[in-house]
């Protein structure tokens, strides 16, 4: 803001809220969380619901209803291990 003021450009920024509490930063933090540990459904939902994923609540519900026992992140077997098709 100081640079704008020095240049004679009127500007305003609400600095009363924390930088890390803004919606955009929270989405990026969630994205980093699922990169670090893809087994987390809550950060995954946050990213899918954000402008990054652009899923509607109805689309997310359809995904969940497709297989209610399966976590959102993929085809998981018991104990959180991925079931993979082995090629022979």
C-alpha atoms as a PDB file:
ATOM      1  CA  UNK A   1       0.000   0.000   0.000  1.00  0.00           C
ATOM      2  CA  UNK A   2       2.880   2.324   0.746  1.00  0.00           C
ATOM      3  CA  UNK A   3       4.115   2.086  -2.851  1.00  0.00           C
ATOM      4  CA  UNK A   4       0.720   3.150  -4.181  1.00  0.00           C
ATOM      5  CA  UNK A   5       0.637   6.064  -1.768  1.00  0.00           C
ATOM      6  CA  UNK A   6       4.126   7.187  -2.788  1.00  0.00           C
ATOM      7  CA  UNK A   7       3.052   7.072  -6.431  1.00  0.00           C
ATOM      8  CA  UNK A   8      -0.031   9.174  -5.669  1.00  0.00           C
ATOM      9  CA  UNK A   9      -2.422   6.324  -6.440  1.00  0.00           C
ATOM     10  CA  UNK A  10      -5.360   6.083  -4.042  1.00  0.00           C
ATOM     11  CA  UNK A  11      -5.800   2.484  -2.901  1.00  0.00           C
ATOM     12  CA  UNK A  12      -7.427   0.553  -0.073  1.00  0.00           C
ATOM     13  CA  UNK A  13      -6.798  -2.931   1.279  1.00  0.00           C
ATOM     14  CA  UNK A  14      -8.548  -4.511   4.234  1.00  0.00           C
ATOM     15  CA  UNK A  15      -5.652  -5.709   6.343  1.00  0.00           C
ATOM     16  CA  UNK A  16      -7.759  -6.478   9.406  1.00  0.00           C
ATOM     17  CA  UNK A  17      -8.179 -10.139   8.383  1.00  0.00           C
ATOM     18  CA  UNK A  18      -5.231 -12.458   8.353  1.00  0.00           C
ATOM     19  CA  UNK A  19      -3.566 -13.256   5.059  1.00  0.00           C
ATOM     20  CA  UNK A  20      -3.819 -16.991   5.702  1.00  0.00           C
ATOM     21  CA  UNK A  21      -7.554 -16.756   6.411  1.00  0.00           C
ATOM     22  CA  UNK A  22      -8.503 -15.544   2.930  1.00  0.00           C
ATOM     23  CA  UNK A  23     -10.452 -18.001   0.775  1.00  0.00           C
ATOM     24  CA  UNK A  24      -7.782 -18.120  -1.946  1.00  0.00           C
ATOM     25  CA  UNK A  25      -5.004 -18.965   0.501  1.00  0.00           C
ATOM     26  CA  UNK A  26      -7.164 -21.578   2.253  1.00  0.00           C
ATOM     27  CA  UNK A  27      -7.732 -23.319  -1.103  1.00  0.00           C
ATOM     28  CA  UNK A  28      -3.994 -23.347  -1.817  1.00  0.00           C
ATOM     29  CA  UNK A  29      -3.292 -24.721   1.666  1.00  0.00           C
ATOM     30  CA  UNK A  30      -5.854 -27.479   1.029  1.00  0.00           C
ATOM     31  CA  UNK A  31      -4.222 -28.213  -2.322  1.00  0.00           C
ATOM     32  CA  UNK A  32      -0.828 -28.527  -0.649  1.00  0.00           C
ATOM     33  CA  UNK A  33      -2.354 -30.813   1.986  1.00  0.00           C
ATOM     34  CA  UNK A  34      -3.681 -33.244  -0.624  1.00  0.00           C
ATOM     35  CA  UNK A  35      -0.386 -33.148  -2.504  1.00  0.00           C
ATOM     36  CA  UNK A  36       1.359 -34.022   0.750  1.00  0.00           C
ATOM     37  CA  UNK A  37      -1.185 -36.669   1.755  1.00  0.00           C
ATOM     38  CA  UNK A  38      -3.762 -37.622  -0.889  1.00  0.00           C
ATOM     39  CA  UNK A  39      -5.738 -39.714   1.632  1.00  0.00           C
ATOM     40  CA  UNK A  40      -7.481 -36.629   3.070  1.00  0.00           C
ATOM     41  CA  UNK A  41     -11.069 -36.162   1.928  1.00  0.00           C
ATOM     42  CA  UNK A  42     -11.742 -32.794   3.610  1.00  0.00           C
ATOM     43  CA  UNK A  43      -8.960 -30.830   1.855  1.00  0.00           C
ATOM     44  CA  UNK A  44      -9.842 -32.665  -1.377  1.00  0.00           C
ATOM     45  CA  UNK A  45     -13.465 -31.555  -1.098  1.00  0.00           C
ATOM     46  CA  UNK A  46     -12.356 -27.997  -0.366  1.00  0.00           C
ATOM     47  CA  UNK A  47     -10.316 -27.924  -3.586  1.00  0.00           C
ATOM     48  CA  UNK A  48     -12.967 -29.657  -5.697  1.00  0.00           C
ATOM     49  CA  UNK A  49     -15.624 -27.212  -4.463  1.00  0.00           C
ATOM     50  CA  UNK A  50     -13.410 -24.167  -5.049  1.00  0.00           C
ATOM     51  CA  UNK A  51     -12.973 -22.341  -8.376  1.00  0.00           C
ATOM     52  CA  UNK A  52      -9.945 -24.603  -8.966  1.00  0.00           C
ATOM     53  CA  UNK A  53     -12.140 -27.715  -9.199  1.00  0.00           C
ATOM     54  CA  UNK A  54     -15.398 -25.931  -9.998  1.00  0.00           C
ATOM     55  CA  UNK A  55     -17.534 -28.905  -8.926  1.00  0.00           C
ATOM     56  CA  UNK A  56     -21.067 -28.127  -7.836  1.00  0.00           C
ATOM     57  CA  UNK A  57     -22.399 -29.609  -4.589  1.00  0.00           C
ATOM     58  CA  UNK A  58     -24.716 -31.768  -6.727  1.00  0.00           C
ATOM     59  CA  UNK A  59     -21.774 -33.162  -8.717  1.00  0.00           C
ATOM     60  CA  UNK A  60     -19.881 -33.961  -5.521  1.00  0.00           C
ATOM     61  CA  UNK A  61     -22.980 -35.662  -4.141  1.00  0.00           C
ATOM     62  CA  UNK A  62     -23.294 -37.735  -7.328  1.00  0.00           C
ATOM     63  CA  UNK A  63     -19.672 -38.842  -6.972  1.00  0.00           C
ATOM     64  CA  UNK A  64     -20.251 -39.845  -3.373  1.00  0.00           C
ATOM     65  CA  UNK A  65     -23.536 -41.638  -4.113  1.00  0.00           C
ATOM     66  CA  UNK A  66     -21.903 -43.613  -6.927  1.00  0.00           C
ATOM     67  CA  UNK A  67     -20.066 -45.690  -4.326  1.00  0.00           C
ATOM     68  CA  UNK A  68     -20.815 -44.672  -0.726  1.00  0.00           C
ATOM     69  CA  UNK A  69     -18.197 -47.017   0.706  1.00  0.00           C
ATOM     70  CA  UNK A  70     -15.413 -45.698  -1.486  1.00  0.00           C
ATOM     71  CA  UNK A  71     -13.527 -42.586  -0.332  1.00  0.00           C
ATOM     72  CA  UNK A  72     -13.601 -39.675  -2.756  1.00  0.00           C
ATOM     73  CA  UNK A  73      -9.924 -39.824  -3.570  1.00  0.00           C
ATOM     74  CA  UNK A  74     -10.074 -43.025  -5.611  1.00  0.00           C
ATOM     75  CA  UNK A  75     -10.639 -46.745  -5.534  1.00  0.00           C
ATOM     76  CA  UNK A  76      -9.380 -47.562  -2.082  1.00  0.00           C
ATOM     77  CA  UNK A  77      -9.322 -51.007  -0.615  1.00  0.00           C
ATOM     78  CA  UNK A  78      -9.318 -51.970   3.046  1.00  0.00           C
ATOM     79  CA  UNK A  79      -6.781 -50.120   5.139  1.00  0.00           C
ATOM     80  CA  UNK A  80      -6.552 -47.235   2.698  1.00  0.00           C
ATOM     81  CA  UNK A  81      -4.432 -49.115   0.166  1.00  0.00           C
ATOM     82  CA  UNK A  82      -5.146 -48.595  -3.496  1.00  0.00           C
ATOM     83  CA  UNK A  83      -6.453 -51.511  -5.468  1.00  0.00           C
ATOM     84  CA  UNK A  84      -4.402 -51.707  -8.627  1.00  0.00           C
ATOM     85  CA  UNK A  85      -4.900 -53.779 -11.687  1.00  0.00           C
ATOM     86  CA  UNK A  86      -1.824 -55.813 -12.318  1.00  0.00           C
ATOM     87  CA  UNK A  87      -0.885 -56.316 -15.940  1.00  0.00           C
ATOM     88  CA  UNK A  88       0.493 -59.646 -16.940  1.00  0.00           C
END
